[in-house]
Amino acid sequence: MKKTESPELSIIIVNYNTAGFLERCLISLEKLKDEVPFEIIVADNNSSDNSKEIMQVKFSHLKILSFSENLGFSKANNKALDLAVGEYIFFLNPDTEVKPGCLKSALKYMKDHPEVGLAGTKILNPDGTEQNSFEFRYPKEKYVSSLKGLPGKIAWVLGASMLVSKRVMADVSGFDERYFLYGEDIDLCLRIRKFGLQVGFIPNAEIIHWEGQSEKASLKSSVFKKKLEAELIFYDAHYSKEEIRKIKRVHLLEAWLHIISLVISFPFYHLYNKKSIWRNKLEDKKLLINIIGKL
């Protein structure tokens, strides 16, 4: 890495038990040390694997934050942000590999587009196919009228790879720490647009993403519950009470229709020995009804 008192870019990585992927990510960044001046801050959420040993032995130039508990994605990022000295912040997942030219292209894009407050990079699967890395609508937005007139066309970008100026992060008070793991990227993008800036996409800045590695050991039902709870936090933060009531009715109707469909289709699942899949889908819909009912 280039020696500089004031790197232009601070790369923040929140890690939780992804040692092998983190090492791959850091190696890919080392190969880009001549593209732009940067620093790397790794916030470790009390990993129980050998993440800390890998960072301390193989990557001595890192700034490492080690927490005594899992603070979640938002809070860990905010704490790392306090240490960052770069004018721009690159929030990056540990289960990624940054491709050559990414950092240079990303910084150039942000400098050339002052109307953009935050931008995502192109995200590729390991086989080279493109992941869906941005969206034009927010969850259940078609039932909401309060989001009209926001700047730009992109609603949000995937949080695995986001570039934003440190000033903008300060203007919107960082990540909302009510989000533990999911939903924080959608929320941040909306708050930046409400602040008056656009969300952008940088097609010539590419990363490879292995996706969901920190949750690999979690039950699918647990992940589904976390995503749903994050969605409810988003509704509460940005939608009116009347809009939430409308969304609640839609969610409940959809869930009951799915349950009826599952009951009708049970003989087919039984015939092809897929009863466990049927049971998991049914439990997800019951969980959805239970959580939505608390709105």
C-alpha atoms as a PDB file:
ATOM      1  CA  MET A   1       0.000   0.000   0.000  1.00  0.00           C
ATOM      2  CA  LYS A   2       1.218   3.482  -0.740  1.00  0.00           C
ATOM      3  CA  LYS A   3       2.535   5.359   2.260  1.00  0.00           C
ATOM      4  CA  THR A   4       0.447   8.427   2.768  1.00  0.00           C
ATOM      5  CA  GLU A   5      -0.621  10.462   5.756  1.00  0.00           C
ATOM      6  CA  SER A   6      -4.048  11.029   4.299  1.00  0.00           C
ATOM      7  CA  PRO A   7      -5.358   8.220   2.065  1.00  0.00           C
ATOM      8  CA  GLU A   8      -8.093   9.231  -0.313  1.00  0.00           C
ATOM      9  CA  LEU A   9     -10.118   6.103   0.324  1.00  0.00           C
ATOM     10  CA  SER A  10     -10.989   4.174   3.476  1.00  0.00           C
ATOM     11  CA  ILE A  11     -12.098   0.582   2.866  1.00  0.00           C
ATOM     12  CA  ILE A  12     -14.266  -0.740   5.694  1.00  0.00           C
ATOM     13  CA  ILE A  13     -14.873  -4.478   6.034  1.00  0.00           C
ATOM     14  CA  VAL A  14     -17.107  -5.953   8.732  1.00  0.00           C
ATOM     15  CA  ASN A  15     -16.099  -9.552   9.394  1.00  0.00           C
ATOM     16  CA  TYR A  16     -17.809 -12.383  11.221  1.00  0.00           C
ATOM     17  CA  ASN A  17     -16.376 -15.893  10.909  1.00  0.00           C
ATOM     18  CA  THR A  18     -15.355 -15.615   7.251  1.00  0.00           C
ATOM     19  CA  ALA A  19     -11.590 -16.117   7.641  1.00  0.00           C
ATOM     20  CA  GLY A  20     -10.899 -17.801   4.295  1.00  0.00           C
ATOM     21  CA  PHE A  21     -12.960 -15.318   2.323  1.00  0.00           C
ATOM     22  CA  LEU A  22     -11.537 -12.354   4.250  1.00  0.00           C
ATOM     23  CA  GLU A  23      -7.990 -13.440   3.377  1.00  0.00           C
ATOM     24  CA  ARG A  24      -8.925 -13.696  -0.310  1.00  0.00           C
ATOM     25  CA  CYS A  25     -10.521 -10.241  -0.165  1.00  0.00           C
ATOM     26  CA  LEU A  26      -7.477  -8.636   1.476  1.00  0.00           C
ATOM     27  CA  ILE A  27      -5.097 -10.258  -1.018  1.00  0.00           C
ATOM     28  CA  SER A  28      -7.163  -8.862  -3.897  1.00  0.00           C
ATOM     29  CA  LEU A  29      -6.940  -5.397  -2.356  1.00  0.00           C
ATOM     30  CA  GLU A  30      -3.178  -5.633  -1.903  1.00  0.00           C
ATOM     31  CA  LYS A  31      -2.854  -6.165  -5.653  1.00  0.00           C
ATOM     32  CA  LEU A  32      -4.538  -2.780  -6.182  1.00  0.00           C
ATOM     33  CA  LYS A  33      -2.201  -0.781  -3.935  1.00  0.00           C
ATOM     34  CA  ASP A  34      -0.987   1.337  -6.862  1.00  0.00           C
ATOM     35  CA  GLU A  35      -4.467   2.331  -8.113  1.00  0.00           C
ATOM     36  CA  VAL A  36      -5.328   4.856  -5.386  1.00  0.00           C
ATOM     37  CA  PRO A  37      -4.059   5.675  -1.882  1.00  0.00           C
ATOM     38  CA  PHE A  38      -6.203   3.712   0.569  1.00  0.00           C
ATOM     39  CA  GLU A  39      -6.406   2.347   4.081  1.00  0.00           C
ATOM     40  CA  ILE A  40      -8.226  -0.802   5.217  1.00  0.00           C
ATOM     41  CA  ILE A  41     -10.239  -1.008   8.418  1.00  0.00           C
ATOM     42  CA  VAL A  42     -11.544  -4.424   9.465  1.00  0.00           C
ATOM     43  CA  ALA A  43     -14.202  -4.489  12.169  1.00  0.00           C
ATOM     44  CA  ASP A  44     -14.395  -8.010  13.596  1.00  0.00           C
ATOM     45  CA  ASN A  45     -17.651  -8.982  15.300  1.00  0.00           C
ATOM     46  CA  ASN A  46     -16.122 -11.411  17.810  1.00  0.00           C
ATOM     47  CA  SER A  47     -15.306 -14.116  15.255  1.00  0.00           C
ATOM     48  CA  SER A  48     -14.632 -17.579  16.666  1.00  0.00           C
ATOM     49  CA  ASP A  49     -12.591 -18.772  13.671  1.00  0.00           C
ATOM     50  CA  ASN A  50      -8.986 -17.753  12.885  1.00  0.00           C
ATOM     51  CA  SER A  51      -9.884 -14.394  11.323  1.00  0.00           C
ATOM     52  CA  LYS A  52      -7.934 -12.370  13.875  1.00  0.00           C
ATOM     53  CA  GLU A  53      -4.805 -14.502  13.522  1.00  0.00           C
ATOM     54  CA  ILE A  54      -4.878 -14.178   9.724  1.00  0.00           C
ATOM     55  CA  MET A  55      -5.178 -10.395   9.938  1.00  0.00           C
ATOM     56  CA  GLN A  56      -2.469  -9.949  12.562  1.00  0.00           C
ATOM     57  CA  VAL A  57       0.098 -12.292  10.975  1.00  0.00           C
ATOM     58  CA  LYS A  58      -0.441 -11.761   7.232  1.00  0.00           C
ATOM     59  CA  PHE A  59      -1.754  -8.192   7.010  1.00  0.00           C
ATOM     60  CA  SER A  60       0.080  -6.040   9.522  1.00  0.00           C
ATOM     61  CA  HIS A  61      -0.891  -2.761   7.827  1.00  0.00           C
ATOM     62  CA  LEU A  62      -4.591  -3.113   8.690  1.00  0.00           C
ATOM     63  CA  LYS A  63      -6.517  -1.081  11.203  1.00  0.00           C
ATOM     64  CA  ILE A  64      -8.321  -3.760  13.225  1.00  0.00           C
ATOM     65  CA  LEU A  65     -11.301  -3.252  15.500  1.00  0.00           C
ATOM     66  CA  SER A  66     -12.048  -6.335  17.602  1.00  0.00           C
ATOM     67  CA  PHE A  67     -15.347  -6.385  19.463  1.00  0.00           C
ATOM     68  CA  SER A  68     -16.181  -8.620  22.425  1.00  0.00           C
ATOM     69  CA  GLU A  69     -19.601  -9.406  20.962  1.00  0.00           C
ATOM     70  CA  ASN A  70     -21.347  -9.453  17.584  1.00  0.00           C
ATOM     71  CA  LEU A  71     -22.492  -5.844  17.163  1.00  0.00           C
ATOM     72  CA  GLY A  72     -24.138  -6.455  13.802  1.00  0.00           C
ATOM     73  CA  PHE A  73     -23.365  -4.861  10.459  1.00  0.00           C
ATOM     74  CA  SER A  74     -24.628  -1.319  11.048  1.00  0.00           C
ATOM     75  CA  LYS A  75     -23.088  -0.664  14.455  1.00  0.00           C
ATOM     76  CA  ALA A  76     -19.728  -2.213  13.492  1.00  0.00           C
ATOM     77  CA  ASN A  77     -19.586  -0.076  10.345  1.00  0.00           C
ATOM     78  CA  ASN A  78     -20.357   3.072  12.319  1.00  0.00           C
ATOM     79  CA  LYS A  79     -17.557   2.364  14.782  1.00  0.00           C
ATOM     80  CA  ALA A  80     -15.117   1.753  11.923  1.00  0.00           C
ATOM     81  CA  LEU A  81     -16.307   4.935  10.254  1.00  0.00           C
ATOM     82  CA  ASP A  82     -15.125   6.907  13.290  1.00  0.00           C
ATOM     83  CA  LEU A  83     -11.563   5.726  12.540  1.00  0.00           C
ATOM     84  CA  ALA A  84     -11.658   6.377   8.801  1.00  0.00           C
ATOM     85  CA  VAL A  85      -9.561   9.250   7.456  1.00  0.00           C
ATOM     86  CA  GLY A  86     -10.374   8.944   3.757  1.00  0.00           C
ATOM     87  CA  GLU A  87     -12.555  11.444   1.933  1.00  0.00           C
ATOM     88  CA  TYR A  88     -14.452   8.493   0.472  1.00  0.00           C
ATOM     89  CA  ILE A  89     -15.588   5.301   2.188  1.00  0.00           C
ATOM     90  CA  PHE A  90     -15.829   1.927   0.471  1.00  0.00           C
ATOM     91  CA  PHE A  91     -18.077  -0.431   2.444  1.00  0.00           C
ATOM     92  CA  LEU A  92     -17.070  -3.923   1.353  1.00  0.00           C
ATOM     93  CA  ASN A  93     -18.162  -7.410   2.389  1.00  0.00           C
ATOM     94  CA  PRO A  94     -15.423  -9.881   3.372  1.00  0.00           C
ATOM     95  CA  ASP A  95     -16.789 -12.557   1.016  1.00  0.00           C
ATOM     96  CA  THR A  96     -15.682 -10.556  -2.016  1.00  0.00           C
ATOM     97  CA  GLU A  97     -12.760 -10.223  -4.371  1.00  0.00           C
ATOM     98  CA  VAL A  98     -12.052  -6.783  -5.799  1.00  0.00           C
ATOM     99  CA  LYS A  99     -11.121  -6.820  -9.472  1.00  0.00           C
ATOM    100  CA  PRO A 100      -8.365  -4.655 -11.031  1.00  0.00           C
ATOM    101  CA  GLY A 101      -9.468  -1.134 -11.875  1.00  0.00           C
ATOM    102  CA  CYS A 102     -12.367  -1.187  -9.423  1.00  0.00           C
ATOM    103  CA  LEU A 103     -11.046   1.329  -6.910  1.00  0.00           C
ATOM    104  CA  LYS A 104      -9.778   3.767  -9.549  1.00  0.00           C
ATOM    105  CA  SER A 105     -13.039   3.611 -11.530  1.00  0.00           C
ATOM    106  CA  ALA A 106     -15.182   3.959  -8.408  1.00  0.00           C
ATOM    107  CA  LEU A 107     -13.360   7.028  -7.147  1.00  0.00           C
ATOM    108  CA  LYS A 108     -13.426   8.672 -10.567  1.00  0.00           C
ATOM    109  CA  TYR A 109     -17.165   8.080 -10.818  1.00  0.00           C
ATOM    110  CA  MET A 110     -17.837   9.700  -7.439  1.00  0.00           C
ATOM    111  CA  LYS A 111     -15.714  12.728  -8.298  1.00  0.00           C
ATOM    112  CA  ASP A 112     -17.354  13.119 -11.713  1.00  0.00           C
ATOM    113  CA  HIS A 113     -20.895  12.840 -10.289  1.00  0.00           C
ATOM    114  CA  PRO A 114     -21.359  15.257  -7.375  1.00  0.00           C
ATOM    115  CA  GLU A 115     -25.125  14.702  -7.617  1.00  0.00           C
ATOM    116  CA  VAL A 116     -24.567  11.117  -6.429  1.00  0.00           C
ATOM    117  CA  GLY A 117     -24.307  10.593  -2.684  1.00  0.00           C
ATOM    118  CA  LEU A 118     -23.710   6.851  -2.743  1.00  0.00           C
ATOM    119  CA  ALA A 119     -22.972   4.368  -5.528  1.00  0.00           C
ATOM    120  CA  GLY A 120     -22.725   0.614  -5.863  1.00  0.00           C
ATOM    121  CA  THR A 121     -20.325  -1.339  -8.037  1.00  0.00           C
ATOM    122  CA  LYS A 122     -21.105  -4.139 -10.460  1.00  0.00           C
ATOM    123  CA  ILE A 123     -21.288  -7.396  -8.501  1.00  0.00           C
ATOM    124  CA  LEU A 124     -20.450 -10.714 -10.134  1.00  0.00           C
ATOM    125  CA  ASN A 125     -21.052 -14.291  -9.070  1.00  0.00           C
ATOM    126  CA  PRO A 126     -17.958 -16.524  -8.881  1.00  0.00           C
ATOM    127  CA  ASP A 127     -18.895 -17.968 -12.300  1.00  0.00           C
ATOM    128  CA  GLY A 128     -18.783 -14.488 -13.857  1.00  0.00           C
ATOM    129  CA  THR A 129     -22.532 -13.964 -14.182  1.00  0.00           C
ATOM    130  CA  GLU A 130     -23.903 -10.680 -12.853  1.00  0.00           C
ATOM    131  CA  GLN A 131     -25.747 -10.463  -9.536  1.00  0.00           C
ATOM    132  CA  ASN A 132     -28.756  -8.210  -9.199  1.00  0.00           C
ATOM    133  CA  SER A 133     -26.925  -5.396  -7.426  1.00  0.00           C
ATOM    134  CA  PHE A 134     -29.471  -2.559  -7.532  1.00  0.00           C
ATOM    135  CA  GLU A 135     -33.218  -1.967  -7.515  1.00  0.00           C
ATOM    136  CA  PHE A 136     -35.557   0.774  -8.711  1.00  0.00           C
ATOM    137  CA  ARG A 137     -38.179   0.328  -5.978  1.00  0.00           C
ATOM    138  CA  TYR A 138     -38.322  -0.070  -2.221  1.00  0.00           C
ATOM    139  CA  PRO A 139     -40.145  -2.916  -0.440  1.00  0.00           C
ATOM    140  CA  LYS A 140     -43.894  -2.699  -1.138  1.00  0.00           C
ATOM    141  CA  GLU A 141     -43.352   0.794  -2.615  1.00  0.00           C
ATOM    142  CA  LYS A 142     -46.356   0.427  -4.908  1.00  0.00           C
ATOM    143  CA  TYR A 143     -48.571   0.811  -1.822  1.00  0.00           C
ATOM    144  CA  VAL A 144     -46.750   3.986  -0.736  1.00  0.00           C
ATOM    145  CA  SER A 145     -47.305   7.556  -1.909  1.00  0.00           C
ATOM    146  CA  SER A 146     -44.846   9.341   0.387  1.00  0.00           C
ATOM    147  CA  LEU A 147     -41.718   8.464  -1.641  1.00  0.00           C
ATOM    148  CA  LYS A 148     -42.547  10.406  -4.775  1.00  0.00           C
ATOM    149  CA  GLY A 149     -40.153  13.036  -6.120  1.00  0.00           C
ATOM    150  CA  LEU A 150     -36.932  11.520  -4.825  1.00  0.00           C
ATOM    151  CA  PRO A 151     -33.786  12.346  -6.866  1.00  0.00           C
ATOM    152  CA  GLY A 152     -32.505   9.785  -9.359  1.00  0.00           C
ATOM    153  CA  LYS A 153     -33.959   6.511 -10.600  1.00  0.00           C
ATOM    154  CA  ILE A 154     -32.074   3.896  -8.557  1.00  0.00           C
ATOM    155  CA  ALA A 155     -33.716   3.157  -5.204  1.00  0.00           C
ATOM    156  CA  TRP A 156     -30.924   1.212  -3.548  1.00  0.00           C
ATOM    157  CA  VAL A 157     -27.780  -0.809  -4.173  1.00  0.00           C
ATOM    158  CA  LEU A 158     -26.553  -3.991  -2.528  1.00  0.00           C
ATOM    159  CA  GLY A 159     -24.568  -3.302   0.646  1.00  0.00           C
ATOM    160  CA  ALA A 160     -21.805  -5.768  -0.268  1.00  0.00           C
ATOM    161  CA  SER A 161     -20.022  -3.036  -2.231  1.00  0.00           C
ATOM    162  CA  MET A 162     -20.914   0.641  -1.738  1.00  0.00           C
ATOM    163  CA  LEU A 163     -18.897   3.843  -2.175  1.00  0.00           C
ATOM    164  CA  VAL A 164     -19.924   7.034  -0.382  1.00  0.00           C
ATOM    165  CA  SER A 165     -18.237  10.221   0.757  1.00  0.00           C
ATOM    166  CA  LYS A 166     -17.481  10.491   4.453  1.00  0.00           C
ATOM    167  CA  ARG A 167     -19.192  13.880   4.492  1.00  0.00           C
ATOM    168  CA  VAL A 168     -22.456  12.376   3.239  1.00  0.00           C
ATOM    169  CA  MET A 169     -22.287   9.647   5.885  1.00  0.00           C
ATOM    170  CA  ALA A 170     -21.948  12.365   8.502  1.00  0.00           C
ATOM    171  CA  ASP A 171     -24.840  14.323   6.982  1.00  0.00           C
ATOM    172  CA  VAL A 172     -27.200  11.349   7.336  1.00  0.00           C
ATOM    173  CA  SER A 173     -25.747  10.229  10.710  1.00  0.00           C
ATOM    174  CA  GLY A 174     -24.310   6.940   9.454  1.00  0.00           C
ATOM    175  CA  PHE A 175     -26.087   3.593   9.437  1.00  0.00           C
ATOM    176  CA  ASP A 176     -29.298   3.156  11.406  1.00  0.00           C
ATOM    177  CA  GLU A 177     -28.220   0.784  14.175  1.00  0.00           C
ATOM    178  CA  ARG A 178     -31.681  -0.715  14.579  1.00  0.00           C
ATOM    179  CA  TYR A 179     -30.736  -2.927  11.626  1.00  0.00           C
ATOM    180  CA  PHE A 180     -28.566  -5.813  12.797  1.00  0.00           C
ATOM    181  CA  LEU A 181     -27.690  -7.453   9.486  1.00  0.00           C
ATOM    182  CA  TYR A 182     -30.277  -7.016   6.723  1.00  0.00           C
ATOM    183  CA  GLY A 183     -32.009  -3.909   5.371  1.00  0.00           C
ATOM    184  CA  GLU A 184     -29.394  -1.334   6.359  1.00  0.00           C
ATOM    185  CA  ASP A 185     -28.293  -0.773   2.751  1.00  0.00           C
ATOM    186  CA  ILE A 186     -31.873  -0.073   1.607  1.00  0.00           C
ATOM    187  CA  ASP A 187     -32.431   2.294   4.515  1.00  0.00           C
ATOM    188  CA  LEU A 188     -29.155   4.188   3.982  1.00  0.00           C
ATOM    189  CA  CYS A 189     -29.850   4.682   0.280  1.00  0.00           C
ATOM    190  CA  LEU A 190     -33.323   6.049   0.977  1.00  0.00           C
ATOM    191  CA  ARG A 191     -32.060   8.470   3.621  1.00  0.00           C
ATOM    192  CA  ILE A 192     -29.399   9.747   1.218  1.00  0.00           C
ATOM    193  CA  ARG A 193     -32.048  10.324  -1.448  1.00  0.00           C
ATOM    194  CA  LYS A 194     -34.254  12.101   1.094  1.00  0.00           C
ATOM    195  CA  PHE A 195     -31.225  14.274   1.837  1.00  0.00           C
ATOM    196  CA  GLY A 196     -31.312  15.366  -1.811  1.00  0.00           C
ATOM    197  CA  LEU A 197     -28.674  13.196  -3.487  1.00  0.00           C
ATOM    198  CA  GLN A 198     -28.942  10.368  -5.993  1.00  0.00           C
ATOM    199  CA  VAL A 199     -27.924   6.737  -5.670  1.00  0.00           C
ATOM    200  CA  GLY A 200     -25.641   5.648  -8.507  1.00  0.00           C
ATOM    201  CA  PHE A 201     -24.233   2.521 -10.137  1.00  0.00           C
ATOM    202  CA  ILE A 202     -20.652   2.097 -11.406  1.00  0.00           C
ATOM    203  CA  PRO A 203     -20.681  -0.521 -14.189  1.00  0.00           C
ATOM    204  CA  ASN A 204     -16.926  -0.492 -14.850  1.00  0.00           C
ATOM    205  CA  ALA A 205     -16.032  -1.130 -11.172  1.00  0.00           C
ATOM    206  CA  GLU A 206     -16.389  -4.853 -10.488  1.00  0.00           C
ATOM    207  CA  ILE A 207     -16.200  -7.204  -7.526  1.00  0.00           C
ATOM    208  CA  ILE A 208     -16.854 -10.934  -7.172  1.00  0.00           C
ATOM    209  CA  HIS A 209     -19.256 -11.830  -4.366  1.00  0.00           C
ATOM    210  CA  TRP A 210     -19.720 -15.264  -2.763  1.00  0.00           C
ATOM    211  CA  GLU A 211     -22.813 -14.006  -0.876  1.00  0.00           C
ATOM    212  CA  GLY A 212     -24.156 -14.879   2.562  1.00  0.00           C
ATOM    213  CA  GLN A 213     -21.016 -16.456   4.023  1.00  0.00           C
ATOM    214  CA  SER A 214     -21.408 -14.975   7.528  1.00  0.00           C
ATOM    215  CA  GLU A 215     -24.888 -16.559   7.694  1.00  0.00           C
ATOM    216  CA  LYS A 216     -23.886 -19.858   6.126  1.00  0.00           C
ATOM    217  CA  ALA A 217     -24.279 -21.755   9.413  1.00  0.00           C
ATOM    218  CA  SER A 218     -27.658 -20.183  10.205  1.00  0.00           C
ATOM    219  CA  LEU A 219     -30.938 -21.975   9.629  1.00  0.00           C
ATOM    220  CA  LYS A 220     -32.895 -20.753   6.613  1.00  0.00           C
ATOM    221  CA  SER A 221     -35.836 -19.984   8.882  1.00  0.00           C
ATOM    222  CA  SER A 222     -33.578 -17.819  11.055  1.00  0.00           C
ATOM    223  CA  VAL A 223     -32.327 -15.856   8.034  1.00  0.00           C
ATOM    224  CA  PHE A 224     -35.908 -15.444   6.781  1.00  0.00           C
ATOM    225  CA  LYS A 225     -36.952 -14.097  10.202  1.00  0.00           C
ATOM    226  CA  LYS A 226     -34.066 -11.593  10.297  1.00  0.00           C
ATOM    227  CA  LYS A 227     -34.856 -10.314   6.803  1.00  0.00           C
ATOM    228  CA  LEU A 228     -38.537  -9.938   7.627  1.00  0.00           C
ATOM    229  CA  GLU A 229     -37.829  -8.101  10.883  1.00  0.00           C
ATOM    230  CA  ALA A 230     -35.479  -5.739   9.022  1.00  0.00           C
ATOM    231  CA  GLU A 231     -38.234  -5.066   6.492  1.00  0.00           C
ATOM    232  CA  LEU A 232     -40.603  -4.131   9.314  1.00  0.00           C
ATOM    233  CA  ILE A 233     -38.034  -1.720  10.766  1.00  0.00           C
ATOM    234  CA  PHE A 234     -37.796  -0.121   7.326  1.00  0.00           C
ATOM    235  CA  TYR A 235     -41.582   0.319   7.137  1.00  0.00           C
ATOM    236  CA  ASP A 236     -41.648   1.888  10.589  1.00  0.00           C
ATOM    237  CA  ALA A 237     -38.823   4.291   9.718  1.00  0.00           C
ATOM    238  CA  HIS A 238     -40.130   5.522   6.373  1.00  0.00           C
ATOM    239  CA  TYR A 239     -43.810   4.760   5.819  1.00  0.00           C
ATOM    240  CA  SER A 240     -46.904   6.329   7.336  1.00  0.00           C
ATOM    241  CA  LYS A 241     -49.174   4.398   9.688  1.00  0.00           C
ATOM    242  CA  GLU A 242     -51.857   4.179   7.015  1.00  0.00           C
ATOM    243  CA  GLU A 243     -49.338   2.866   4.476  1.00  0.00           C
ATOM    244  CA  ILE A 244     -48.120   0.271   6.986  1.00  0.00           C
ATOM    245  CA  ARG A 245     -51.686  -0.873   7.633  1.00  0.00           C
ATOM    246  CA  LYS A 246     -52.192  -1.297   3.888  1.00  0.00           C
ATOM    247  CA  ILE A 247     -48.942  -3.276   3.557  1.00  0.00           C
ATOM    248  CA  LYS A 248     -49.910  -5.416   6.559  1.00  0.00           C
ATOM    249  CA  ARG A 249     -53.175  -6.387   4.872  1.00  0.00           C
ATOM    250  CA  VAL A 250     -51.335  -7.233   1.645  1.00  0.00           C
ATOM    251  CA  HIS A 251     -48.715  -9.331   3.474  1.00  0.00           C
ATOM    252  CA  LEU A 252     -51.367 -11.254   5.393  1.00  0.00           C
ATOM    253  CA  LEU A 253     -53.449 -11.914   2.293  1.00  0.00           C
ATOM    254  CA  GLU A 254     -50.405 -13.132   0.361  1.00  0.00           C
ATOM    255  CA  ALA A 255     -49.345 -15.380   3.257  1.00  0.00           C
ATOM    256  CA  TRP A 256     -52.778 -17.010   3.596  1.00  0.00           C
ATOM    257  CA  LEU A 257     -53.012 -17.556  -0.166  1.00  0.00           C
ATOM    258  CA  HIS A 258     -49.606 -19.245  -0.083  1.00  0.00           C
ATOM    259  CA  ILE A 259     -50.709 -21.462   2.809  1.00  0.00           C
ATOM    260  CA  ILE A 260     -53.845 -22.516   0.928  1.00  0.00           C
ATOM    261  CA  SER A 261     -51.709 -23.227  -2.132  1.00  0.00           C
ATOM    262  CA  LEU A 262     -49.321 -25.322  -0.042  1.00  0.00           C
ATOM    263  CA  VAL A 263     -52.161 -27.336   1.498  1.00  0.00           C
ATOM    264  CA  ILE A 264     -53.561 -28.073  -1.965  1.00  0.00           C
ATOM    265  CA  SER A 265     -50.131 -29.015  -3.344  1.00  0.00           C
ATOM    266  CA  PHE A 266     -49.116 -31.283  -0.442  1.00  0.00           C
ATOM    267  CA  PRO A 267     -49.829 -34.539  -2.356  1.00  0.00           C
ATOM    268  CA  PHE A 268     -47.325 -33.509  -5.029  1.00  0.00           C
ATOM    269  CA  TYR A 269     -44.590 -32.757  -2.445  1.00  0.00           C
ATOM    270  CA  HIS A 270     -45.383 -36.104  -0.788  1.00  0.00           C
ATOM    271  CA  LEU A 271     -45.236 -37.937  -4.105  1.00  0.00           C
ATOM    272  CA  TYR A 272     -41.753 -36.609  -4.908  1.00  0.00           C
ATOM    273  CA  ASN A 273     -40.498 -37.037  -1.325  1.00  0.00           C
ATOM    274  CA  LYS A 274     -40.137 -33.296  -0.707  1.00  0.00           C
ATOM    275  CA  LYS A 275     -42.135 -33.066   2.514  1.00  0.00           C
ATOM    276  CA  SER A 276     -39.314 -31.202   4.310  1.00  0.00           C
ATOM    277  CA  ILE A 277     -39.375 -28.447   1.660  1.00  0.00           C
ATOM    278  CA  TRP A 278     -43.159 -28.231   2.017  1.00  0.00           C
ATOM    279  CA  ARG A 279     -42.869 -28.039   5.817  1.00  0.00           C
ATOM    280  CA  ASN A 280     -40.241 -25.276   5.690  1.00  0.00           C
ATOM    281  CA  LYS A 281     -42.353 -23.183   3.325  1.00  0.00           C
ATOM    282  CA  LEU A 282     -45.374 -23.611   5.573  1.00  0.00           C
ATOM    283  CA  GLU A 283     -43.401 -22.607   8.673  1.00  0.00           C
ATOM    284  CA  ASP A 284     -42.102 -19.484   6.885  1.00  0.00           C
ATOM    285  CA  LYS A 285     -45.654 -18.390   6.067  1.00  0.00           C
ATOM    286  CA  LYS A 286     -46.802 -19.023   9.644  1.00  0.00           C
ATOM    287  CA  LEU A 287     -43.849 -16.966  10.896  1.00  0.00           C
ATOM    288  CA  LEU A 288     -44.742 -14.187   8.462  1.00  0.00           C
ATOM    289  CA  ILE A 289     -48.335 -14.096   9.747  1.00  0.00           C
ATOM    290  CA  ASN A 290     -47.153 -14.053  13.346  1.00  0.00           C
ATOM    291  CA  ILE A 291     -44.665 -11.193  12.864  1.00  0.00           C
ATOM    292  CA  ILE A 292     -46.909  -9.102  10.606  1.00  0.00           C
ATOM    293  CA  GLY A 293     -49.699  -9.522  13.134  1.00  0.00           C
ATOM    294  CA  LYS A 294     -47.617  -7.539  15.625  1.00  0.00           C
ATOM    295  CA  LEU A 295     -47.506  -4.462  13.391  1.00  0.00           C
END
